[in-house]
Amino acid sequence: NVTFKRKLPNADLFVEVDLDKLTQVLDNIISNA
């Protein structure tokens, strides 16, 4: 029972990234949280 709260801007911000690598980063951080 954990609540997710999003404070994200309502805008389109484009960056050039490797989706697979960035997904691993965010997965590790959110999993720890």
PDB file of all heavy atoms in Angstrom:
ATOM      1  N   ASN A   1       0.852  -1.191   0.000  1.00  0.00           N
ATOM      2  CA  ASN A   1       0.000   0.000   0.000  1.00  0.00           C
ATOM      3  C   ASN A   1       0.885   1.238   0.000  1.00  0.00           C
ATOM      4  O   ASN A   1       1.198   1.813   1.047  1.00  0.00           O
ATOM      5  CB  ASN A   1      -0.918  -0.020   1.228  1.00  0.00           C
ATOM      6  CG  ASN A   1      -1.876   1.159   1.226  1.00  0.00           C
ATOM      7  OD1 ASN A   1      -2.136   1.759   0.180  1.00  0.00           O
ATOM      8  ND2 ASN A   1      -2.409   1.471   2.395  1.00  0.00           N
ATOM      9  N   VAL A   2       1.324   1.656  -1.181  1.00  0.00           N
ATOM     10  CA  VAL A   2       2.186   2.834  -1.347  1.00  0.00           C
ATOM     11  C   VAL A   2       1.552   3.740  -2.376  1.00  0.00           C
ATOM     12  O   VAL A   2       1.113   3.281  -3.448  1.00  0.00           O
ATOM     13  CB  VAL A   2       3.611   2.437  -1.784  1.00  0.00           C
ATOM     14  CG1 VAL A   2       4.457   3.685  -2.015  1.00  0.00           C
ATOM     15  CG2 VAL A   2       4.274   1.538  -0.738  1.00  0.00           C
ATOM     16  N   THR A   3       1.489   5.049  -2.084  1.00  0.00           N
ATOM     17  CA  THR A   3       0.889   6.035  -2.990  1.00  0.00           C
ATOM     18  C   THR A   3       1.954   6.641  -3.894  1.00  0.00           C
ATOM     19  O   THR A   3       3.054   7.002  -3.442  1.00  0.00           O
ATOM     20  CB  THR A   3       0.214   7.150  -2.180  1.00  0.00           C
ATOM     21  OG1 THR A   3      -0.747   6.566  -1.295  1.00  0.00           O
ATOM     22  CG2 THR A   3      -0.472   8.144  -3.109  1.00  0.00           C
ATOM     23  N   PHE A   4       1.633   6.749  -5.188  1.00  0.00           N
ATOM     24  CA  PHE A   4       2.519   7.406  -6.151  1.00  0.00           C
ATOM     25  C   PHE A   4       2.009   8.832  -6.386  1.00  0.00           C
ATOM     26  O   PHE A   4       0.829   9.021  -6.702  1.00  0.00           O
ATOM     27  CB  PHE A   4       2.556   6.656  -7.476  1.00  0.00           C
ATOM     28  CG  PHE A   4       3.413   5.420  -7.459  1.00  0.00           C
ATOM     29  CD1 PHE A   4       3.902   4.905  -6.271  1.00  0.00           C
ATOM     30  CD2 PHE A   4       3.741   4.773  -8.644  1.00  0.00           C
ATOM     31  CE1 PHE A   4       4.694   3.773  -6.256  1.00  0.00           C
ATOM     32  CE2 PHE A   4       4.534   3.641  -8.651  1.00  0.00           C
ATOM     33  CZ  PHE A   4       5.005   3.123  -7.450  1.00  0.00           C
ATOM     34  N   LYS A   5       2.917   9.830  -6.228  1.00  0.00           N
ATOM     35  CA  LYS A   5       2.545  11.216  -6.468  1.00  0.00           C
ATOM     36  C   LYS A   5       3.454  11.789  -7.545  1.00  0.00           C
ATOM     37  O   LYS A   5       4.678  11.708  -7.440  1.00  0.00           O
ATOM     38  CB  LYS A   5       2.658  12.037  -5.186  1.00  0.00           C
ATOM     39  CG  LYS A   5       2.149  13.462  -5.369  1.00  0.00           C
ATOM     40  CD  LYS A   5       2.166  14.207  -4.039  1.00  0.00           C
ATOM     41  CE  LYS A   5       1.595  15.604  -4.225  1.00  0.00           C
ATOM     42  NZ  LYS A   5       1.579  16.350  -2.937  1.00  0.00           N
ATOM     43  N   ARG A   6       2.811  12.317  -8.603  1.00  0.00           N
ATOM     44  CA  ARG A   6       3.585  12.820  -9.733  1.00  0.00           C
ATOM     45  C   ARG A   6       3.556  14.349  -9.754  1.00  0.00           C
ATOM     46  O   ARG A   6       2.496  14.962  -9.704  1.00  0.00           O
ATOM     47  CB  ARG A   6       3.035  12.275 -11.040  1.00  0.00           C
ATOM     48  CG  ARG A   6       2.794  10.777 -10.995  1.00  0.00           C
ATOM     49  CD  ARG A   6       2.341  10.237 -12.314  1.00  0.00           C
ATOM     50  NE  ARG A   6       1.811   8.880 -12.192  1.00  0.00           N
ATOM     51  CZ  ARG A   6       1.705   8.024 -13.192  1.00  0.00           C
ATOM     52  NH1 ARG A   6       2.094   8.366 -14.395  1.00  0.00           N
ATOM     53  NH2 ARG A   6       1.198   6.817 -12.986  1.00  0.00           N
ATOM     54  N   LYS A   7       4.771  14.944  -9.845  1.00  0.00           N
ATOM     55  CA  LYS A   7       4.890  16.393  -9.994  1.00  0.00           C
ATOM     56  C   LYS A   7       5.720  16.652 -11.253  1.00  0.00           C
ATOM     57  O   LYS A   7       6.879  17.077 -11.198  1.00  0.00           O
ATOM     58  CB  LYS A   7       5.555  17.017  -8.773  1.00  0.00           C
ATOM     59  CG  LYS A   7       4.715  16.930  -7.514  1.00  0.00           C
ATOM     60  CD  LYS A   7       5.407  17.649  -6.352  1.00  0.00           C
ATOM     61  CE  LYS A   7       4.533  17.608  -5.100  1.00  0.00           C
ATOM     62  NZ  LYS A   7       5.167  18.329  -3.952  1.00  0.00           N
ATOM     63  N   LEU A   8       5.070  16.331 -12.381  1.00  0.00           N
ATOM     64  CA  LEU A   8       5.753  16.427 -13.659  1.00  0.00           C
ATOM     65  C   LEU A   8       5.155  17.572 -14.475  1.00  0.00           C
ATOM     66  O   LEU A   8       3.940  17.800 -14.440  1.00  0.00           O
ATOM     67  CB  LEU A   8       5.622  15.110 -14.426  1.00  0.00           C
ATOM     68  CG  LEU A   8       6.083  13.837 -13.687  1.00  0.00           C
ATOM     69  CD1 LEU A   8       5.877  12.615 -14.571  1.00  0.00           C
ATOM     70  CD2 LEU A   8       7.529  13.964 -13.269  1.00  0.00           C
ATOM     71  N   PRO A   9       5.991  18.304 -15.198  1.00  0.00           N
ATOM     72  CA  PRO A   9       5.471  19.422 -15.999  1.00  0.00           C
ATOM     73  C   PRO A   9       4.602  18.923 -17.150  1.00  0.00           C
ATOM     74  O   PRO A   9       4.830  17.835 -17.689  1.00  0.00           O
ATOM     75  CB  PRO A   9       6.738  20.114 -16.508  1.00  0.00           C
ATOM     76  CG  PRO A   9       7.760  19.040 -16.516  1.00  0.00           C
ATOM     77  CD  PRO A   9       7.443  18.146 -15.351  1.00  0.00           C
ATOM     78  N   ASN A  10       3.635  19.722 -17.500  1.00  0.00           N
ATOM     79  CA  ASN A  10       2.751  19.391 -18.619  1.00  0.00           C
ATOM     80  C   ASN A  10       3.361  19.972 -19.884  1.00  0.00           C
ATOM     81  O   ASN A  10       2.881  20.968 -20.437  1.00  0.00           O
ATOM     82  CB  ASN A  10       1.345  19.953 -18.366  1.00  0.00           C
ATOM     83  CG  ASN A  10       0.349  19.487 -19.413  1.00  0.00           C
ATOM     84  OD1 ASN A  10       0.597  18.498 -20.126  1.00  0.00           O
ATOM     85  ND2 ASN A  10      -0.766  20.180 -19.512  1.00  0.00           N
ATOM     86  N   ALA A  11       4.456  19.353 -20.329  1.00  0.00           N
ATOM     87  CA  ALA A  11       5.182  19.870 -21.502  1.00  0.00           C
ATOM     88  C   ALA A  11       5.874  18.719 -22.183  1.00  0.00           C
ATOM     89  O   ALA A  11       6.030  17.626 -21.613  1.00  0.00           O
ATOM     90  CB  ALA A  11       6.192  20.935 -21.078  1.00  0.00           C
ATOM     91  N   ASP A  12       6.243  18.954 -23.425  1.00  0.00           N
ATOM     92  CA  ASP A  12       6.990  17.942 -24.184  1.00  0.00           C
ATOM     93  C   ASP A  12       8.464  18.319 -24.170  1.00  0.00           C
ATOM     94  O   ASP A  12       8.869  19.346 -24.733  1.00  0.00           O
ATOM     95  CB  ASP A  12       6.475  17.870 -25.623  1.00  0.00           C
ATOM     96  CG  ASP A  12       5.030  17.365 -25.687  1.00  0.00           C
ATOM     97  OD1 ASP A  12       4.643  16.599 -24.776  1.00  0.00           O
ATOM     98  OD2 ASP A  12       4.320  17.749 -26.619  1.00  0.00           O
ATOM     99  N   LEU A  13       9.271  17.494 -23.480  1.00  0.00           N
ATOM    100  CA  LEU A  13      10.715  17.743 -23.393  1.00  0.00           C
ATOM    101  C   LEU A  13      11.436  16.551 -24.012  1.00  0.00           C
ATOM    102  O   LEU A  13      11.345  15.424 -23.491  1.00  0.00           O
ATOM    103  CB  LEU A  13      11.157  17.938 -21.941  1.00  0.00           C
ATOM    104  CG  LEU A  13      10.469  19.071 -21.174  1.00  0.00           C
ATOM    105  CD1 LEU A  13      10.943  19.090 -19.726  1.00  0.00           C
ATOM    106  CD2 LEU A  13      10.747  20.413 -21.842  1.00  0.00           C
ATOM    107  N   PHE A  14      12.094  16.775 -25.128  1.00  0.00           N
ATOM    108  CA  PHE A  14      12.739  15.687 -25.854  1.00  0.00           C
ATOM    109  C   PHE A  14      14.231  15.630 -25.531  1.00  0.00           C
ATOM    110  O   PHE A  14      14.934  16.646 -25.573  1.00  0.00           O
ATOM    111  CB  PHE A  14      12.545  15.860 -27.350  1.00  0.00           C
ATOM    112  CG  PHE A  14      11.143  15.565 -27.803  1.00  0.00           C
ATOM    113  CD1 PHE A  14      10.168  16.544 -27.769  1.00  0.00           C
ATOM    114  CD2 PHE A  14      10.806  14.296 -28.245  1.00  0.00           C
ATOM    115  CE1 PHE A  14       8.874  16.276 -28.184  1.00  0.00           C
ATOM    116  CE2 PHE A  14       9.507  14.024 -28.670  1.00  0.00           C
ATOM    117  CZ  PHE A  14       8.538  15.009 -28.633  1.00  0.00           C
ATOM    118  N   VAL A  15      14.696  14.437 -25.175  1.00  0.00           N
ATOM    119  CA  VAL A  15      16.123  14.198 -24.931  1.00  0.00           C
ATOM    120  C   VAL A  15      16.542  12.976 -25.727  1.00  0.00           C
ATOM    121  O   VAL A  15      15.711  12.126 -26.072  1.00  0.00           O
ATOM    122  CB  VAL A  15      16.423  13.989 -23.430  1.00  0.00           C
ATOM    123  CG1 VAL A  15      16.148  15.247 -22.639  1.00  0.00           C
ATOM    124  CG2 VAL A  15      15.605  12.817 -22.883  1.00  0.00           C
ATOM    125  N   GLU A  16      17.844  12.892 -26.003  1.00  0.00           N
ATOM    126  CA  GLU A  16      18.390  11.769 -26.758  1.00  0.00           C
ATOM    127  C   GLU A  16      18.995  10.784 -25.780  1.00  0.00           C
ATOM    128  O   GLU A  16      20.031  11.073 -25.160  1.00  0.00           O
ATOM    129  CB  GLU A  16      19.436  12.266 -27.763  1.00  0.00           C
ATOM    130  CG  GLU A  16      19.841  11.197 -28.763  1.00  0.00           C
ATOM    131  CD  GLU A  16      20.815  11.716 -29.804  1.00  0.00           C
ATOM    132  OE1 GLU A  16      21.406  12.803 -29.570  1.00  0.00           O
ATOM    133  OE2 GLU A  16      20.995  11.057 -30.844  1.00  0.00           O
ATOM    134  N   VAL A  17      18.371   9.602 -25.620  1.00  0.00           N
ATOM    135  CA  VAL A  17      18.820   8.626 -24.630  1.00  0.00           C
ATOM    136  C   VAL A  17      18.727   7.224 -25.205  1.00  0.00           C
ATOM    137  O   VAL A  17      18.066   6.983 -26.217  1.00  0.00           O
ATOM    138  CB  VAL A  17      17.975   8.712 -23.337  1.00  0.00           C
ATOM    139  CG1 VAL A  17      18.175  10.044 -22.645  1.00  0.00           C
ATOM    140  CG2 VAL A  17      16.503   8.473 -23.633  1.00  0.00           C
ATOM    141  N   ASP A  18      19.386   6.297 -24.507  1.00  0.00           N
ATOM    142  CA  ASP A  18      19.243   4.866 -24.777  1.00  0.00           C
ATOM    143  C   ASP A  18      18.126   4.373 -23.868  1.00  0.00           C
ATOM    144  O   ASP A  18      18.309   4.289 -22.646  1.00  0.00           O
ATOM    145  CB  ASP A  18      20.557   4.153 -24.490  1.00  0.00           C
ATOM    146  CG  ASP A  18      20.507   2.673 -24.876  1.00  0.00           C
ATOM    147  OD1 ASP A  18      19.440   2.058 -24.724  1.00  0.00           O
ATOM    148  OD2 ASP A  18      21.554   2.156 -25.321  1.00  0.00           O
ATOM    149  N   LEU A  19      16.973   4.076 -24.430  1.00  0.00           N
ATOM    150  CA  LEU A  19      15.804   3.724 -23.630  1.00  0.00           C
ATOM    151  C   LEU A  19      16.041   2.497 -22.762  1.00  0.00           C
ATOM    152  O   LEU A  19      15.599   2.442 -21.605  1.00  0.00           O
ATOM    153  CB  LEU A  19      14.588   3.488 -24.545  1.00  0.00           C
ATOM    154  CG  LEU A  19      13.858   4.742 -25.035  1.00  0.00           C
ATOM    155  CD1 LEU A  19      12.700   4.336 -25.931  1.00  0.00           C
ATOM    156  CD2 LEU A  19      13.352   5.536 -23.846  1.00  0.00           C
ATOM    157  N   ASP A  20      16.738   1.518 -23.295  1.00  0.00           N
ATOM    158  CA  ASP A  20      16.965   0.301 -22.533  1.00  0.00           C
ATOM    159  C   ASP A  20      17.788   0.599 -21.278  1.00  0.00           C
ATOM    160  O   ASP A  20      17.470   0.156 -20.181  1.00  0.00           O
ATOM    161  CB  ASP A  20      17.667  -0.731 -23.411  1.00  0.00           C
ATOM    162  CG  ASP A  20      17.850  -2.057 -22.680  1.00  0.00           C
ATOM    163  OD1 ASP A  20      16.872  -2.554 -22.103  1.00  0.00           O
ATOM    164  OD2 ASP A  20      18.995  -2.563 -22.664  1.00  0.00           O
ATOM    165  N   LYS A  21      18.880   1.383 -21.463  1.00  0.00           N
ATOM    166  CA  LYS A  21      19.761   1.706 -20.324  1.00  0.00           C
ATOM    167  C   LYS A  21      19.035   2.600 -19.321  1.00  0.00           C
ATOM    168  O   LYS A  21      19.132   2.387 -18.101  1.00  0.00           O
ATOM    169  CB  LYS A  21      21.026   2.407 -20.829  1.00  0.00           C
ATOM    170  CG  LYS A  21      21.850   1.589 -21.816  1.00  0.00           C
ATOM    171  CD  LYS A  21      22.454   0.373 -21.132  1.00  0.00           C
ATOM    172  CE  LYS A  21      23.465  -0.319 -22.039  1.00  0.00           C
ATOM    173  NZ  LYS A  21      22.875  -0.871 -23.267  1.00  0.00           N
ATOM    174  N   LEU A  22      18.295   3.597 -19.811  1.00  0.00           N
ATOM    175  CA  LEU A  22      17.594   4.503 -18.898  1.00  0.00           C
ATOM    176  C   LEU A  22      16.495   3.761 -18.146  1.00  0.00           C
ATOM    177  O   LEU A  22      16.237   4.039 -16.961  1.00  0.00           O
ATOM    178  CB  LEU A  22      17.005   5.676 -19.680  1.00  0.00           C
ATOM    179  CG  LEU A  22      16.348   6.767 -18.844  1.00  0.00           C
ATOM    180  CD1 LEU A  22      17.325   7.358 -17.847  1.00  0.00           C
ATOM    181  CD2 LEU A  22      15.785   7.876 -19.753  1.00  0.00           C
ATOM    182  N   THR A  23      15.847   2.782 -18.826  1.00  0.00           N
ATOM    183  CA  THR A  23      14.816   1.981 -18.152  1.00  0.00           C
ATOM    184  C   THR A  23      15.422   1.195 -16.996  1.00  0.00           C
ATOM    185  O   THR A  23      14.819   1.091 -15.913  1.00  0.00           O
ATOM    186  CB  THR A  23      14.144   1.032 -19.160  1.00  0.00           C
ATOM    187  OG1 THR A  23      13.554   1.794 -20.221  1.00  0.00           O
ATOM    188  CG2 THR A  23      13.076   0.188 -18.486  1.00  0.00           C
ATOM    189  N   GLN A  24      16.619   0.631 -17.208  1.00  0.00           N
ATOM    190  CA  GLN A  24      17.292  -0.098 -16.120  1.00  0.00           C
ATOM    191  C   GLN A  24      17.573   0.834 -14.944  1.00  0.00           C
ATOM    192  O   GLN A  24      17.415   0.447 -13.781  1.00  0.00           O
ATOM    193  CB  GLN A  24      18.602  -0.701 -16.633  1.00  0.00           C
ATOM    194  CG  GLN A  24      18.433  -1.802 -17.668  1.00  0.00           C
ATOM    195  CD  GLN A  24      19.766  -2.364 -18.111  1.00  0.00           C
ATOM    196  OE1 GLN A  24      20.627  -2.633 -17.288  1.00  0.00           O
ATOM    197  NE2 GLN A  24      19.926  -2.555 -19.414  1.00  0.00           N
ATOM    198  N   VAL A  25      17.981   2.071 -15.244  1.00  0.00           N
ATOM    199  CA  VAL A  25      18.288   3.029 -14.170  1.00  0.00           C
ATOM    200  C   VAL A  25      17.030   3.315 -13.354  1.00  0.00           C
ATOM    201  O   VAL A  25      17.023   3.213 -12.118  1.00  0.00           O
ATOM    202  CB  VAL A  25      18.870   4.335 -14.763  1.00  0.00           C
ATOM    203  CG1 VAL A  25      18.979   5.408 -13.679  1.00  0.00           C
ATOM    204  CG2 VAL A  25      20.214   4.077 -15.401  1.00  0.00           C
ATOM    205  N   LEU A  26      15.947   3.693 -14.050  1.00  0.00           N
ATOM    206  CA  LEU A  26      14.719   4.048 -13.338  1.00  0.00           C
ATOM    207  C   LEU A  26      14.124   2.850 -12.615  1.00  0.00           C
ATOM    208  O   LEU A  26      13.581   2.979 -11.506  1.00  0.00           O
ATOM    209  CB  LEU A  26      13.708   4.638 -14.326  1.00  0.00           C
ATOM    210  CG  LEU A  26      14.116   5.981 -14.970  1.00  0.00           C
ATOM    211  CD1 LEU A  26      13.062   6.416 -15.988  1.00  0.00           C
ATOM    212  CD2 LEU A  26      14.302   7.048 -13.903  1.00  0.00           C
ATOM    213  N   ASP A  27      14.219   1.667 -13.223  1.00  0.00           N
ATOM    214  CA  ASP A  27      13.709   0.453 -12.557  1.00  0.00           C
ATOM    215  C   ASP A  27      14.439   0.214 -11.243  1.00  0.00           C
ATOM    216  O   ASP A  27      13.816  -0.122 -10.220  1.00  0.00           O
ATOM    217  CB  ASP A  27      13.866  -0.758 -13.480  1.00  0.00           C
ATOM    218  CG  ASP A  27      12.815  -0.774 -14.593  1.00  0.00           C
ATOM    219  OD1 ASP A  27      11.939   0.111 -14.570  1.00  0.00           O
ATOM    220  OD2 ASP A  27      12.896  -1.654 -15.465  1.00  0.00           O
ATOM    221  N   ASN A  28      15.789   0.343 -11.253  1.00  0.00           N
ATOM    222  CA  ASN A  28      16.567   0.130 -10.020  1.00  0.00           C
ATOM    223  C   ASN A  28      16.182   1.131  -8.939  1.00  0.00           C
ATOM    224  O   ASN A  28      15.991   0.770  -7.769  1.00  0.00           O
ATOM    225  CB  ASN A  28      18.061   0.253 -10.313  1.00  0.00           C
ATOM    226  CG  ASN A  28      18.636  -0.997 -10.947  1.00  0.00           C
ATOM    227  OD1 ASN A  28      18.155  -2.106 -10.683  1.00  0.00           O
ATOM    228  ND2 ASN A  28      19.643  -0.849 -11.800  1.00  0.00           N
ATOM    229  N   ILE A  29      16.030   2.410  -9.335  1.00  0.00           N
ATOM    230  CA  ILE A  29      15.732   3.444  -8.347  1.00  0.00           C
ATOM    231  C   ILE A  29      14.328   3.266  -7.777  1.00  0.00           C
ATOM    232  O   ILE A  29      14.122   3.327  -6.555  1.00  0.00           O
ATOM    233  CB  ILE A  29      15.892   4.842  -8.985  1.00  0.00           C
ATOM    234  CG1 ILE A  29      17.356   5.069  -9.415  1.00  0.00           C
ATOM    235  CG2 ILE A  29      15.470   5.939  -8.002  1.00  0.00           C
ATOM    236  CD1 ILE A  29      17.580   6.341 -10.202  1.00  0.00           C
ATOM    237  N   ILE A  30      13.336   3.028  -8.673  1.00  0.00           N
ATOM    238  CA  ILE A  30      11.951   2.882  -8.195  1.00  0.00           C
ATOM    239  C   ILE A  30      11.798   1.600  -7.381  1.00  0.00           C
ATOM    240  O   ILE A  30      11.078   1.559  -6.383  1.00  0.00           O
ATOM    241  CB  ILE A  30      10.973   2.914  -9.388  1.00  0.00           C
ATOM    242  CG1 ILE A  30      11.059   4.272 -10.096  1.00  0.00           C
ATOM    243  CG2 ILE A  30       9.541   2.656  -8.925  1.00  0.00           C
ATOM    244  CD1 ILE A  30      10.246   4.346 -11.380  1.00  0.00           C
ATOM    245  N   SER A  31      12.505   0.536  -7.804  1.00  0.00           N
ATOM    246  CA  SER A  31      12.437  -0.721  -7.031  1.00  0.00           C
ATOM    247  C   SER A  31      12.957  -0.505  -5.625  1.00  0.00           C
ATOM    248  O   SER A  31      12.380  -0.991  -4.640  1.00  0.00           O
ATOM    249  CB  SER A  31      13.246  -1.811  -7.736  1.00  0.00           C
ATOM    250  OG  SER A  31      12.684  -2.110  -8.997  1.00  0.00           O
ATOM    251  N   ASN A  32      14.075   0.218  -5.480  1.00  0.00           N
ATOM    252  CA  ASN A  32      14.615   0.511  -4.145  1.00  0.00           C
ATOM    253  C   ASN A  32      13.631   1.350  -3.334  1.00  0.00           C
ATOM    254  O   ASN A  32      13.442   1.129  -2.123  1.00  0.00           O
ATOM    255  CB  ASN A  32      15.948   1.252  -4.256  1.00  0.00           C
ATOM    256  CG  ASN A  32      17.077   0.332  -4.675  1.00  0.00           C
ATOM    257  OD1 ASN A  32      16.974  -0.890  -4.506  1.00  0.00           O
ATOM    258  ND2 ASN A  32      18.150   0.897  -5.210  1.00  0.00           N
ATOM    259  N   ALA A  33      12.986   2.341  -3.988  1.00  0.00           N
ATOM    260  CA  ALA A  33      12.027   3.187  -3.277  1.00  0.00           C
ATOM    261  C   ALA A  33      10.859   2.359  -2.758  1.00  0.00           C
ATOM    262  O   ALA A  33      10.379   2.561  -1.630  1.00  0.00           O
ATOM    263  CB  ALA A  33      11.538   4.304  -4.202  1.00  0.00           C
TER     264      ALA A  33
END
